[in-house]
Amino acid sequence: MKLDVITLAGGKAGSVDLDDAIFGIEEVRADILARCVNWQLAKRRAGTHKVQTRNENSRTGKKMYKQKGTGGARHGSRRAPQFVGGSRAFGPVVRSHAFDLPKKVRALALKHALSSKAKSGSLIVLDQAAIDAPKTAALRTQLEGLGLKNALVIAGPAVDANFALAARNIPNVDVLPNAGLNVYDILRRHTLVLTRESIAAIQARFAEKEAA
């Protein structure tokens, strides 16, 4: 697959060859994408929700009234969940929500996410994501000129400092280095923007995995 390379100004800067094994998958599997997105979102949950259990409640543990002869139900503590001020039964505790997902499935999901953008025509190749001055208004104008209002930009090994500063106040535009490429961020934005350097890094990354 071959795509034209454009500049931030909208000019042409040649073309680039994309590996069909990464960007040209015909049948994009939604189930694999869903598994990876669920894995990402579960892994980043804090899991710090907590309620008091019965042994942590400061209410008295004295028996409320005698066991028999009252005509009422038998109770032994005001800390029980059925009473006002009592503890919650089976409430949330501090824990990790993360679960395992095989590396091969994660790699396959990334290929399918990249292919889905290429297949839908939502993949743009940029010559380089760098600007001379950190001016948000100027960068917004350039991006709108390219039709980018909701996009993820993968800028290369490191994000240009001026580009990062200018883009951080533009809504619905995310900028990440090569190492930050992930399935969830690809799918949550309408357009994926890759630089020449990032494409070379992605193809080298999968070539190393296949060689291993």
N, C-alpha and C. Protein backbone atom coordinates (compact mmCIF):
# COMPACT_ATOMS: atom_id res chain seq x y z
N MET A 1 0.85 -1.19 0.00
CA MET A 1 0.00 0.00 0.00
C MET A 1 0.89 1.24 0.00
N LYS A 2 0.50 2.22 -0.81
CA LYS A 2 1.28 3.45 -0.90
C LYS A 2 0.38 4.65 -0.58
N LEU A 3 0.89 5.56 0.26
CA LEU A 3 0.15 6.76 0.62
C LEU A 3 1.01 7.99 0.36
N ASP A 4 0.34 9.07 -0.01
CA ASP A 4 1.05 10.34 -0.20
C ASP A 4 1.44 10.93 1.14
N VAL A 5 2.58 11.58 1.16
CA VAL A 5 3.05 12.27 2.36
C VAL A 5 2.80 13.76 2.17
N ILE A 6 2.21 14.38 3.20
CA ILE A 6 1.93 15.80 3.12
C ILE A 6 2.68 16.55 4.21
N THR A 7 2.75 17.86 4.05
CA THR A 7 3.37 18.72 5.06
C THR A 7 2.26 19.43 5.85
N LEU A 8 2.64 20.07 6.94
CA LEU A 8 1.67 20.80 7.73
C LEU A 8 1.04 21.95 6.93
N ALA A 9 1.77 22.45 5.96
CA ALA A 9 1.26 23.54 5.13
C ALA A 9 0.31 23.05 4.06
N GLY A 10 0.19 21.72 3.91
CA GLY A 10 -0.72 21.16 2.92
C GLY A 10 -0.05 20.76 1.63
N GLY A 11 1.26 20.95 1.52
CA GLY A 11 1.97 20.56 0.31
C GLY A 11 2.31 19.08 0.29
N LYS A 12 2.75 18.59 -0.86
CA LYS A 12 3.12 17.19 -1.00
C LYS A 12 4.61 17.00 -0.73
N ALA A 13 4.93 15.88 -0.12
CA ALA A 13 6.34 15.60 0.20
C ALA A 13 6.69 14.17 -0.16
N GLY A 14 6.19 13.72 -1.32
CA GLY A 14 6.51 12.37 -1.77
C GLY A 14 5.46 11.36 -1.33
N SER A 15 5.88 10.12 -1.23
CA SER A 15 4.98 9.04 -0.83
C SER A 15 5.74 8.05 0.04
N VAL A 16 4.98 7.16 0.67
CA VAL A 16 5.59 6.16 1.54
C VAL A 16 4.89 4.83 1.34
N ASP A 17 5.65 3.74 1.42
CA ASP A 17 5.09 2.39 1.29
C ASP A 17 4.72 1.86 2.67
N LEU A 18 3.50 1.35 2.78
CA LEU A 18 3.03 0.78 4.03
C LEU A 18 2.95 -0.74 3.91
N ASP A 19 3.37 -1.42 4.94
CA ASP A 19 3.34 -2.89 4.96
C ASP A 19 1.90 -3.36 5.04
N ASP A 20 1.49 -4.18 4.08
CA ASP A 20 0.11 -4.68 4.06
C ASP A 20 -0.19 -5.59 5.24
N ALA A 21 0.81 -6.20 5.81
CA ALA A 21 0.58 -7.07 6.96
C ALA A 21 0.21 -6.27 8.21
N ILE A 22 0.52 -4.97 8.19
CA ILE A 22 0.22 -4.09 9.33
C ILE A 22 -0.93 -3.15 9.02
N PHE A 23 -0.90 -2.56 7.83
CA PHE A 23 -1.88 -1.53 7.46
C PHE A 23 -2.92 -2.01 6.45
N GLY A 24 -2.80 -3.25 5.98
CA GLY A 24 -3.68 -3.70 4.90
C GLY A 24 -4.53 -4.90 5.23
N ILE A 25 -4.83 -5.13 6.50
CA ILE A 25 -5.68 -6.26 6.87
C ILE A 25 -7.10 -5.99 6.39
N GLU A 26 -7.65 -6.90 5.59
CA GLU A 26 -8.96 -6.68 4.99
C GLU A 26 -10.10 -6.85 5.99
N GLU A 27 -10.05 -7.94 6.75
CA GLU A 27 -11.14 -8.23 7.70
C GLU A 27 -10.72 -7.77 9.10
N VAL A 28 -11.13 -6.58 9.48
CA VAL A 28 -10.79 -6.03 10.79
C VAL A 28 -11.72 -6.65 11.83
N ARG A 29 -11.14 -7.28 12.83
CA ARG A 29 -11.93 -8.01 13.83
C ARG A 29 -12.25 -7.11 15.03
N ALA A 30 -13.52 -6.80 15.16
CA ALA A 30 -13.96 -5.94 16.26
C ALA A 30 -13.79 -6.61 17.61
N ASP A 31 -13.87 -7.94 17.65
CA ASP A 31 -13.74 -8.63 18.94
C ASP A 31 -12.34 -8.50 19.51
N ILE A 32 -11.33 -8.54 18.65
CA ILE A 32 -9.95 -8.38 19.12
C ILE A 32 -9.72 -6.95 19.60
N LEU A 33 -10.26 -5.98 18.86
CA LEU A 33 -10.13 -4.58 19.28
C LEU A 33 -10.82 -4.36 20.62
N ALA A 34 -12.00 -4.96 20.80
CA ALA A 34 -12.73 -4.79 22.06
C ALA A 34 -11.97 -5.41 23.22
N ARG A 35 -11.37 -6.56 23.01
CA ARG A 35 -10.59 -7.20 24.08
C ARG A 35 -9.43 -6.32 24.52
N CYS A 36 -8.76 -5.71 23.56
CA CYS A 36 -7.60 -4.87 23.89
C CYS A 36 -8.04 -3.58 24.58
N VAL A 37 -9.12 -2.97 24.11
CA VAL A 37 -9.60 -1.74 24.73
C VAL A 37 -10.04 -2.01 26.17
N ASN A 38 -10.77 -3.11 26.39
CA ASN A 38 -11.19 -3.46 27.75
C ASN A 38 -9.99 -3.71 28.65
N TRP A 39 -8.95 -4.33 28.10
CA TRP A 39 -7.72 -4.60 28.86
C TRP A 39 -7.04 -3.29 29.25
N GLN A 40 -6.96 -2.34 28.31
CA GLN A 40 -6.34 -1.05 28.60
C GLN A 40 -7.11 -0.28 29.66
N LEU A 41 -8.42 -0.21 29.51
CA LEU A 41 -9.23 0.58 30.44
C LEU A 41 -9.25 -0.04 31.83
N ALA A 42 -9.27 -1.38 31.89
CA ALA A 42 -9.27 -2.05 33.19
C ALA A 42 -7.93 -1.84 33.90
N LYS A 43 -6.84 -1.86 33.13
CA LYS A 43 -5.50 -1.73 33.72
C LYS A 43 -5.26 -0.35 34.31
N ARG A 44 -5.90 0.67 33.75
CA ARG A 44 -5.64 2.03 34.23
C ARG A 44 -6.59 2.47 35.34
N ARG A 45 -7.55 1.62 35.70
CA ARG A 45 -8.44 1.97 36.81
C ARG A 45 -7.67 1.99 38.13
N ALA A 46 -7.97 2.97 38.96
CA ALA A 46 -7.23 3.12 40.22
C ALA A 46 -7.57 2.01 41.20
N GLY A 47 -8.83 1.63 41.26
CA GLY A 47 -9.24 0.59 42.20
C GLY A 47 -9.13 1.00 43.65
N THR A 48 -9.27 2.29 43.93
CA THR A 48 -9.11 2.78 45.31
C THR A 48 -10.45 2.97 46.01
N HIS A 49 -11.54 2.50 45.42
CA HIS A 49 -12.85 2.63 46.07
C HIS A 49 -12.89 1.73 47.31
N LYS A 50 -13.52 2.21 48.36
CA LYS A 50 -13.48 1.48 49.62
C LYS A 50 -14.66 1.88 50.49
N VAL A 51 -15.26 0.90 51.17
CA VAL A 51 -16.27 1.17 52.19
C VAL A 51 -15.85 0.47 53.48
N GLN A 52 -16.46 0.87 54.58
CA GLN A 52 -16.13 0.25 55.85
C GLN A 52 -16.78 -1.13 55.97
N THR A 53 -15.99 -2.08 56.40
CA THR A 53 -16.52 -3.40 56.71
C THR A 53 -16.93 -3.43 58.18
N ARG A 54 -17.55 -4.52 58.61
CA ARG A 54 -18.09 -4.56 59.96
C ARG A 54 -17.01 -4.40 61.04
N ASN A 55 -15.83 -4.94 60.76
CA ASN A 55 -14.78 -4.84 61.77
C ASN A 55 -14.13 -3.46 61.81
N GLU A 56 -14.45 -2.58 60.82
CA GLU A 56 -13.90 -1.23 60.81
C GLU A 56 -14.91 -0.19 61.31
N ASN A 57 -16.15 -0.56 61.47
CA ASN A 57 -17.19 0.37 61.91
C ASN A 57 -17.03 0.68 63.39
N SER A 58 -17.18 1.95 63.74
CA SER A 58 -16.94 2.37 65.12
C SER A 58 -18.16 2.21 66.04
N ARG A 59 -19.25 1.69 65.49
CA ARG A 59 -20.43 1.50 66.34
C ARG A 59 -20.17 0.37 67.34
N THR A 60 -20.95 0.36 68.40
CA THR A 60 -20.75 -0.64 69.45
C THR A 60 -21.01 -2.05 68.94
N GLY A 61 -20.31 -2.99 69.56
CA GLY A 61 -20.52 -4.39 69.21
C GLY A 61 -21.38 -5.11 70.24
N LYS A 62 -21.89 -4.36 71.19
CA LYS A 62 -22.72 -4.97 72.24
C LYS A 62 -24.01 -5.51 71.65
N LYS A 63 -24.46 -6.63 72.20
CA LYS A 63 -25.72 -7.21 71.75
C LYS A 63 -26.85 -6.23 72.06
N MET A 64 -27.73 -6.00 71.05
CA MET A 64 -28.74 -4.96 71.14
C MET A 64 -29.78 -5.24 72.23
N TYR A 65 -30.24 -6.47 72.28
CA TYR A 65 -31.22 -6.89 73.29
C TYR A 65 -31.12 -8.39 73.42
N LYS A 66 -31.79 -8.91 74.41
CA LYS A 66 -31.64 -10.34 74.68
C LYS A 66 -32.14 -11.18 73.50
N GLN A 67 -31.63 -12.38 73.45
CA GLN A 67 -31.87 -13.26 72.31
C GLN A 67 -33.34 -13.63 72.16
N LYS A 68 -33.98 -13.93 73.25
CA LYS A 68 -35.35 -14.45 73.18
C LYS A 68 -36.31 -13.61 74.03
N GLY A 69 -37.58 -13.76 73.74
CA GLY A 69 -38.60 -13.16 74.56
C GLY A 69 -39.03 -11.76 74.17
N THR A 70 -38.44 -11.19 73.11
CA THR A 70 -38.81 -9.82 72.74
C THR A 70 -39.90 -9.78 71.67
N GLY A 71 -40.11 -10.88 70.98
CA GLY A 71 -41.07 -10.90 69.88
C GLY A 71 -40.51 -10.36 68.59
N GLY A 72 -39.24 -9.95 68.61
CA GLY A 72 -38.59 -9.41 67.40
C GLY A 72 -37.54 -10.37 66.87
N ALA A 73 -36.98 -10.03 65.74
CA ALA A 73 -35.94 -10.85 65.16
C ALA A 73 -34.68 -10.80 66.02
N ARG A 74 -33.88 -11.82 65.89
CA ARG A 74 -32.65 -11.91 66.69
C ARG A 74 -31.53 -11.10 66.05
N HIS A 75 -30.92 -10.24 66.81
CA HIS A 75 -29.79 -9.44 66.32
C HIS A 75 -28.69 -9.42 67.36
N GLY A 76 -27.45 -9.27 66.86
CA GLY A 76 -26.33 -9.28 67.79
C GLY A 76 -25.47 -8.04 67.72
N SER A 77 -25.70 -7.15 66.71
CA SER A 77 -24.81 -6.00 66.58
C SER A 77 -25.48 -4.89 65.78
N ARG A 78 -25.19 -3.64 66.18
CA ARG A 78 -25.68 -2.47 65.43
C ARG A 78 -24.87 -2.25 64.15
N ARG A 79 -23.77 -2.98 64.01
CA ARG A 79 -22.93 -2.81 62.83
C ARG A 79 -23.46 -3.55 61.61
N ALA A 80 -24.49 -4.34 61.77
CA ALA A 80 -25.04 -5.12 60.66
C ALA A 80 -25.55 -4.20 59.56
N PRO A 81 -25.47 -4.62 58.29
CA PRO A 81 -25.81 -3.73 57.16
C PRO A 81 -27.28 -3.32 57.10
N GLN A 82 -28.17 -4.05 57.77
CA GLN A 82 -29.58 -3.67 57.68
C GLN A 82 -29.96 -2.49 58.57
N PHE A 83 -29.02 -2.04 59.41
CA PHE A 83 -29.31 -0.92 60.31
C PHE A 83 -28.70 0.37 59.79
N VAL A 84 -29.37 1.50 60.06
CA VAL A 84 -28.81 2.80 59.73
C VAL A 84 -27.52 3.00 60.50
N GLY A 85 -26.46 3.39 59.80
CA GLY A 85 -25.16 3.53 60.44
C GLY A 85 -24.35 2.25 60.43
N GLY A 86 -24.95 1.18 59.91
CA GLY A 86 -24.24 -0.09 59.85
C GLY A 86 -23.32 -0.15 58.64
N SER A 87 -22.60 -1.23 58.52
CA SER A 87 -21.65 -1.39 57.41
C SER A 87 -22.35 -1.96 56.19
N ARG A 88 -21.74 -1.72 55.04
CA ARG A 88 -22.32 -2.22 53.79
C ARG A 88 -21.91 -3.66 53.56
N ALA A 89 -22.86 -4.47 53.12
CA ALA A 89 -22.56 -5.87 52.84
C ALA A 89 -21.92 -6.00 51.46
N PHE A 90 -20.80 -6.67 51.38
CA PHE A 90 -20.10 -6.96 50.12
C PHE A 90 -19.79 -5.69 49.33
N GLY A 91 -19.35 -4.66 50.04
CA GLY A 91 -19.01 -3.40 49.39
C GLY A 91 -17.66 -3.48 48.69
N PRO A 92 -17.31 -2.46 47.91
CA PRO A 92 -16.03 -2.47 47.20
C PRO A 92 -14.85 -2.34 48.14
N VAL A 93 -13.77 -2.98 47.79
CA VAL A 93 -12.53 -2.90 48.56
C VAL A 93 -11.40 -2.52 47.60
N VAL A 94 -10.30 -2.06 48.14
CA VAL A 94 -9.15 -1.67 47.31
C VAL A 94 -8.61 -2.91 46.59
N ARG A 95 -8.55 -2.83 45.26
CA ARG A 95 -8.06 -3.97 44.49
C ARG A 95 -7.64 -3.51 43.10
N SER A 96 -6.97 -4.37 42.40
CA SER A 96 -6.58 -4.09 41.02
C SER A 96 -7.62 -4.69 40.08
N HIS A 97 -8.00 -3.92 39.07
CA HIS A 97 -8.95 -4.40 38.07
C HIS A 97 -8.25 -5.01 36.85
N ALA A 98 -6.94 -5.00 36.85
CA ALA A 98 -6.18 -5.46 35.69
C ALA A 98 -6.33 -6.96 35.49
N PHE A 99 -6.26 -7.36 34.23
CA PHE A 99 -6.24 -8.78 33.89
C PHE A 99 -5.24 -8.98 32.77
N ASP A 100 -4.87 -10.21 32.53
CA ASP A 100 -3.83 -10.51 31.55
C ASP A 100 -4.41 -10.60 30.13
N LEU A 101 -3.63 -10.14 29.18
CA LEU A 101 -3.96 -10.30 27.77
C LEU A 101 -2.66 -10.68 27.06
N PRO A 102 -2.64 -11.79 26.32
CA PRO A 102 -1.41 -12.24 25.68
C PRO A 102 -0.79 -11.17 24.77
N LYS A 103 0.54 -11.14 24.74
CA LYS A 103 1.23 -10.15 23.93
C LYS A 103 0.87 -10.27 22.44
N LYS A 104 0.66 -11.50 21.99
CA LYS A 104 0.33 -11.69 20.58
C LYS A 104 -1.04 -11.10 20.24
N VAL A 105 -1.96 -11.17 21.20
CA VAL A 105 -3.28 -10.58 20.98
C VAL A 105 -3.17 -9.06 20.95
N ARG A 106 -2.35 -8.50 21.85
CA ARG A 106 -2.16 -7.05 21.87
C ARG A 106 -1.54 -6.55 20.57
N ALA A 107 -0.55 -7.29 20.08
CA ALA A 107 0.11 -6.90 18.82
C ALA A 107 -0.87 -7.01 17.66
N LEU A 108 -1.68 -8.07 17.65
CA LEU A 108 -2.66 -8.25 16.59
C LEU A 108 -3.71 -7.15 16.63
N ALA A 109 -4.12 -6.75 17.84
CA ALA A 109 -5.11 -5.68 17.98
C ALA A 109 -4.56 -4.36 17.44
N LEU A 110 -3.28 -4.09 17.67
CA LEU A 110 -2.68 -2.86 17.15
C LEU A 110 -2.66 -2.87 15.63
N LYS A 111 -2.35 -4.03 15.04
CA LYS A 111 -2.38 -4.14 13.58
C LYS A 111 -3.78 -3.88 13.04
N HIS A 112 -4.78 -4.46 13.70
CA HIS A 112 -6.15 -4.29 13.23
C HIS A 112 -6.62 -2.84 13.39
N ALA A 113 -6.18 -2.18 14.47
CA ALA A 113 -6.54 -0.77 14.66
C ALA A 113 -5.92 0.10 13.57
N LEU A 114 -4.65 -0.15 13.25
CA LEU A 114 -3.98 0.61 12.18
C LEU A 114 -4.64 0.34 10.83
N SER A 115 -4.98 -0.93 10.60
CA SER A 115 -5.62 -1.29 9.33
C SER A 115 -7.01 -0.68 9.20
N SER A 116 -7.72 -0.57 10.33
CA SER A 116 -9.07 0.00 10.28
C SER A 116 -9.02 1.47 9.85
N LYS A 117 -7.99 2.19 10.32
CA LYS A 117 -7.85 3.60 9.92
C LYS A 117 -7.47 3.72 8.45
N ALA A 118 -6.56 2.84 8.01
CA ALA A 118 -6.14 2.88 6.60
C ALA A 118 -7.31 2.49 5.69
N LYS A 119 -8.08 1.51 6.10
CA LYS A 119 -9.19 1.02 5.28
C LYS A 119 -10.29 2.06 5.14
N SER A 120 -10.53 2.85 6.21
CA SER A 120 -11.59 3.85 6.19
C SER A 120 -11.13 5.19 5.62
N GLY A 121 -9.86 5.28 5.22
CA GLY A 121 -9.34 6.53 4.68
C GLY A 121 -9.07 7.57 5.74
N SER A 122 -8.92 7.12 6.99
CA SER A 122 -8.69 8.04 8.11
C SER A 122 -7.24 8.06 8.56
N LEU A 123 -6.34 7.66 7.66
CA LEU A 123 -4.91 7.65 7.97
C LEU A 123 -4.21 8.70 7.11
N ILE A 124 -3.47 9.57 7.77
CA ILE A 124 -2.71 10.63 7.07
C ILE A 124 -1.25 10.49 7.44
N VAL A 125 -0.39 10.62 6.44
CA VAL A 125 1.05 10.56 6.68
C VAL A 125 1.62 11.97 6.56
N LEU A 126 2.26 12.40 7.63
CA LEU A 126 2.82 13.75 7.72
C LEU A 126 4.34 13.67 7.58
N ASP A 127 4.91 14.64 6.88
CA ASP A 127 6.36 14.65 6.70
C ASP A 127 7.06 14.73 8.05
N GLN A 128 6.66 15.71 8.87
CA GLN A 128 7.19 15.83 10.23
C GLN A 128 6.25 16.69 11.07
N ALA A 129 6.17 16.35 12.35
CA ALA A 129 5.32 17.11 13.28
C ALA A 129 6.21 18.05 14.07
N ALA A 130 6.58 19.15 13.45
CA ALA A 130 7.47 20.12 14.09
C ALA A 130 7.13 21.51 13.58
N ILE A 131 7.18 22.48 14.48
CA ILE A 131 6.91 23.88 14.11
C ILE A 131 7.98 24.77 14.73
N ASP A 132 8.09 25.99 14.22
CA ASP A 132 9.15 26.90 14.66
C ASP A 132 8.84 27.56 16.00
N ALA A 133 7.55 27.83 16.27
CA ALA A 133 7.18 28.55 17.50
C ALA A 133 5.93 27.90 18.10
N PRO A 134 5.84 27.88 19.42
CA PRO A 134 4.69 27.23 20.08
C PRO A 134 3.44 28.10 20.05
N LYS A 135 2.85 28.28 18.87
CA LYS A 135 1.67 29.11 18.69
C LYS A 135 0.45 28.23 18.43
N THR A 136 -0.46 28.19 19.40
CA THR A 136 -1.63 27.32 19.29
C THR A 136 -2.52 27.74 18.13
N ALA A 137 -2.77 29.03 17.97
CA ALA A 137 -3.66 29.51 16.91
C ALA A 137 -3.13 29.14 15.53
N ALA A 138 -1.82 29.28 15.35
CA ALA A 138 -1.22 28.96 14.05
C ALA A 138 -1.32 27.47 13.75
N LEU A 139 -1.05 26.64 14.76
CA LEU A 139 -1.13 25.20 14.55
C LEU A 139 -2.57 24.76 14.30
N ARG A 140 -3.52 25.37 15.02
CA ARG A 140 -4.93 25.02 14.81
C ARG A 140 -5.35 25.33 13.37
N THR A 141 -4.89 26.45 12.86
CA THR A 141 -5.21 26.82 11.48
C THR A 141 -4.64 25.82 10.49
N GLN A 142 -3.40 25.39 10.74
CA GLN A 142 -2.77 24.41 9.85
C GLN A 142 -3.50 23.08 9.89
N LEU A 143 -3.87 22.63 11.10
CA LEU A 143 -4.57 21.35 11.22
C LEU A 143 -5.95 21.41 10.58
N GLU A 144 -6.66 22.51 10.77
CA GLU A 144 -7.98 22.65 10.14
C GLU A 144 -7.85 22.69 8.62
N GLY A 145 -6.74 23.25 8.13
CA GLY A 145 -6.50 23.26 6.69
C GLY A 145 -6.32 21.86 6.13
N LEU A 146 -5.84 20.95 6.98
CA LEU A 146 -5.70 19.55 6.58
C LEU A 146 -6.95 18.73 6.88
N GLY A 147 -7.95 19.40 7.46
CA GLY A 147 -9.19 18.69 7.80
C GLY A 147 -9.10 17.90 9.09
N LEU A 148 -8.20 18.30 9.98
CA LEU A 148 -7.98 17.56 11.23
C LEU A 148 -8.60 18.32 12.40
N LYS A 149 -9.75 17.85 12.84
CA LYS A 149 -10.41 18.44 14.01
C LYS A 149 -10.49 17.46 15.17
N ASN A 150 -10.31 16.19 14.87
CA ASN A 150 -10.35 15.15 15.90
C ASN A 150 -9.32 14.11 15.49
N ALA A 151 -8.12 14.21 16.06
CA ALA A 151 -7.02 13.41 15.53
C ALA A 151 -6.03 12.99 16.62
N LEU A 152 -5.36 11.89 16.34
CA LEU A 152 -4.22 11.44 17.13
C LEU A 152 -2.98 11.57 16.27
N VAL A 153 -1.98 12.29 16.77
CA VAL A 153 -0.74 12.50 16.03
C VAL A 153 0.37 11.71 16.72
N ILE A 154 0.98 10.80 15.97
CA ILE A 154 2.15 10.06 16.46
C ILE A 154 3.36 10.75 15.84
N ALA A 155 4.11 11.47 16.68
CA ALA A 155 5.07 12.45 16.18
C ALA A 155 6.47 11.91 15.90
N GLY A 156 6.78 10.68 16.33
CA GLY A 156 8.11 10.16 16.12
C GLY A 156 8.74 9.69 17.42
N PRO A 157 10.05 9.48 17.46
CA PRO A 157 10.70 9.00 18.69
C PRO A 157 10.48 9.93 19.87
N ALA A 158 10.44 11.22 19.62
CA ALA A 158 10.16 12.22 20.67
C ALA A 158 9.30 13.32 20.06
N VAL A 159 8.43 13.87 20.87
CA VAL A 159 7.53 14.93 20.39
C VAL A 159 8.28 16.25 20.41
N ASP A 160 8.20 16.97 19.29
CA ASP A 160 8.81 18.30 19.21
C ASP A 160 8.21 19.19 20.30
N ALA A 161 9.06 19.88 21.06
CA ALA A 161 8.60 20.67 22.20
C ALA A 161 7.62 21.76 21.78
N ASN A 162 7.91 22.47 20.71
CA ASN A 162 7.01 23.53 20.24
C ASN A 162 5.67 22.97 19.79
N PHE A 163 5.72 21.83 19.10
CA PHE A 163 4.48 21.20 18.62
C PHE A 163 3.63 20.74 19.80
N ALA A 164 4.27 20.17 20.81
CA ALA A 164 3.53 19.70 21.98
C ALA A 164 2.87 20.85 22.73
N LEU A 165 3.60 21.96 22.89
CA LEU A 165 3.04 23.12 23.58
C LEU A 165 1.88 23.73 22.81
N ALA A 166 2.01 23.80 21.50
CA ALA A 166 0.97 24.40 20.69
C ALA A 166 -0.27 23.53 20.62
N ALA A 167 -0.09 22.21 20.67
CA ALA A 167 -1.22 21.29 20.48
C ALA A 167 -1.97 20.97 21.76
N ARG A 168 -1.37 21.24 22.91
CA ARG A 168 -1.98 20.77 24.15
C ARG A 168 -3.28 21.50 24.50
N ASN A 169 -3.49 22.68 23.94
CA ASN A 169 -4.73 23.42 24.20
C ASN A 169 -5.75 23.28 23.07
N ILE A 170 -5.47 22.45 22.09
CA ILE A 170 -6.42 22.22 21.00
C ILE A 170 -7.30 21.03 21.39
N PRO A 171 -8.60 21.22 21.52
CA PRO A 171 -9.46 20.10 21.93
C PRO A 171 -9.49 18.99 20.88
N ASN A 172 -9.60 17.77 21.35
CA ASN A 172 -9.74 16.57 20.50
C ASN A 172 -8.52 16.30 19.62
N VAL A 173 -7.38 16.85 20.01
CA VAL A 173 -6.13 16.55 19.30
C VAL A 173 -5.13 16.03 20.33
N ASP A 174 -4.68 14.79 20.15
CA ASP A 174 -3.70 14.18 21.04
C ASP A 174 -2.39 14.01 20.30
N VAL A 175 -1.29 14.24 21.00
CA VAL A 175 0.05 14.08 20.40
C VAL A 175 0.84 13.13 21.28
N LEU A 176 1.36 12.05 20.68
CA LEU A 176 2.12 11.05 21.43
C LEU A 176 3.39 10.68 20.67
N PRO A 177 4.41 10.23 21.41
CA PRO A 177 5.59 9.69 20.73
C PRO A 177 5.32 8.26 20.25
N ASN A 178 6.28 7.67 19.55
CA ASN A 178 6.10 6.31 19.05
C ASN A 178 5.76 5.33 20.16
N ALA A 179 6.40 5.49 21.31
CA ALA A 179 6.20 4.56 22.41
C ALA A 179 4.79 4.62 22.98
N GLY A 180 4.06 5.72 22.72
CA GLY A 180 2.72 5.87 23.27
C GLY A 180 1.62 5.34 22.37
N LEU A 181 1.97 4.81 21.20
CA LEU A 181 0.96 4.29 20.28
C LEU A 181 0.18 3.15 20.93
N ASN A 182 -1.15 3.28 20.95
CA ASN A 182 -1.97 2.24 21.58
C ASN A 182 -3.33 2.17 20.90
N VAL A 183 -4.00 1.05 21.09
CA VAL A 183 -5.26 0.77 20.39
C VAL A 183 -6.36 1.74 20.81
N TYR A 184 -6.49 1.99 22.11
CA TYR A 184 -7.58 2.83 22.60
C TYR A 184 -7.52 4.24 22.02
N ASP A 185 -6.33 4.86 22.04
CA ASP A 185 -6.20 6.22 21.54
C ASP A 185 -6.38 6.28 20.02
N ILE A 186 -6.00 5.22 19.31
CA ILE A 186 -6.22 5.20 17.87
C ILE A 186 -7.72 5.21 17.56
N LEU A 187 -8.47 4.39 18.29
CA LEU A 187 -9.90 4.24 17.99
C LEU A 187 -10.74 5.41 18.48
N ARG A 188 -10.28 6.10 19.52
CA ARG A 188 -11.11 7.17 20.09
C ARG A 188 -11.03 8.47 19.28
N ARG A 189 -10.10 8.56 18.36
CA ARG A 189 -9.99 9.73 17.50
C ARG A 189 -10.38 9.38 16.06
N HIS A 190 -10.95 10.33 15.35
CA HIS A 190 -11.45 10.08 14.00
C HIS A 190 -10.31 9.82 13.02
N THR A 191 -9.21 10.55 13.17
CA THR A 191 -8.12 10.46 12.20
C THR A 191 -6.82 10.12 12.90
N LEU A 192 -6.03 9.26 12.26
CA LEU A 192 -4.71 8.92 12.77
C LEU A 192 -3.67 9.59 11.88
N VAL A 193 -2.77 10.34 12.49
CA VAL A 193 -1.71 11.05 11.74
C VAL A 193 -0.37 10.44 12.15
N LEU A 194 0.33 9.91 11.17
CA LEU A 194 1.65 9.30 11.42
C LEU A 194 2.71 10.07 10.65
N THR A 195 3.86 10.27 11.27
CA THR A 195 4.98 10.88 10.57
C THR A 195 5.79 9.78 9.87
N ARG A 196 6.67 10.20 8.99
CA ARG A 196 7.54 9.22 8.32
C ARG A 196 8.31 8.38 9.34
N GLU A 197 8.86 9.07 10.34
CA GLU A 197 9.66 8.38 11.35
C GLU A 197 8.82 7.36 12.12
N SER A 198 7.58 7.71 12.45
CA SER A 198 6.75 6.80 13.22
C SER A 198 6.37 5.57 12.40
N ILE A 199 6.13 5.74 11.11
CA ILE A 199 5.81 4.58 10.26
C ILE A 199 7.00 3.64 10.19
N ALA A 200 8.19 4.19 10.02
CA ALA A 200 9.40 3.35 9.99
C ALA A 200 9.56 2.60 11.31
N ALA A 201 9.28 3.27 12.43
CA ALA A 201 9.41 2.64 13.74
C ALA A 201 8.37 1.54 13.94
N ILE A 202 7.14 1.78 13.49
CA ILE A 202 6.08 0.77 13.63
C ILE A 202 6.42 -0.47 12.82
N GLN A 203 6.86 -0.28 11.59
CA GLN A 203 7.16 -1.43 10.73
C GLN A 203 8.39 -2.18 11.24
N ALA A 204 9.37 -1.45 11.78
CA ALA A 204 10.54 -2.12 12.36
C ALA A 204 10.16 -2.89 13.62
N ARG A 205 9.25 -2.33 14.40
CA ARG A 205 8.80 -2.97 15.64
C ARG A 205 8.15 -4.32 15.35
N PHE A 206 7.28 -4.38 14.37
CA PHE A 206 6.61 -5.64 14.05
C PHE A 206 7.55 -6.60 13.33
N ALA A 207 8.52 -6.07 12.59
CA ALA A 207 9.50 -6.94 11.92
C ALA A 207 10.35 -7.65 12.95
N GLU A 208 10.71 -6.96 14.03
CA GLU A 208 11.51 -7.57 15.11
C GLU A 208 10.71 -8.68 15.80
N LYS A 209 9.40 -8.44 16.02
CA LYS A 209 8.57 -9.45 16.70
C LYS A 209 8.43 -10.70 15.83
N GLU A 210 8.28 -10.51 14.52
CA GLU A 210 8.13 -11.65 13.64
C GLU A 210 9.44 -12.44 13.55
N ALA A 211 10.55 -11.71 13.59
CA ALA A 211 11.86 -12.37 13.54
C ALA A 211 12.11 -13.18 14.82
N ALA A 212 11.62 -12.66 15.96
CA ALA A 212 11.80 -13.35 17.22
C ALA A 212 10.92 -14.58 17.29
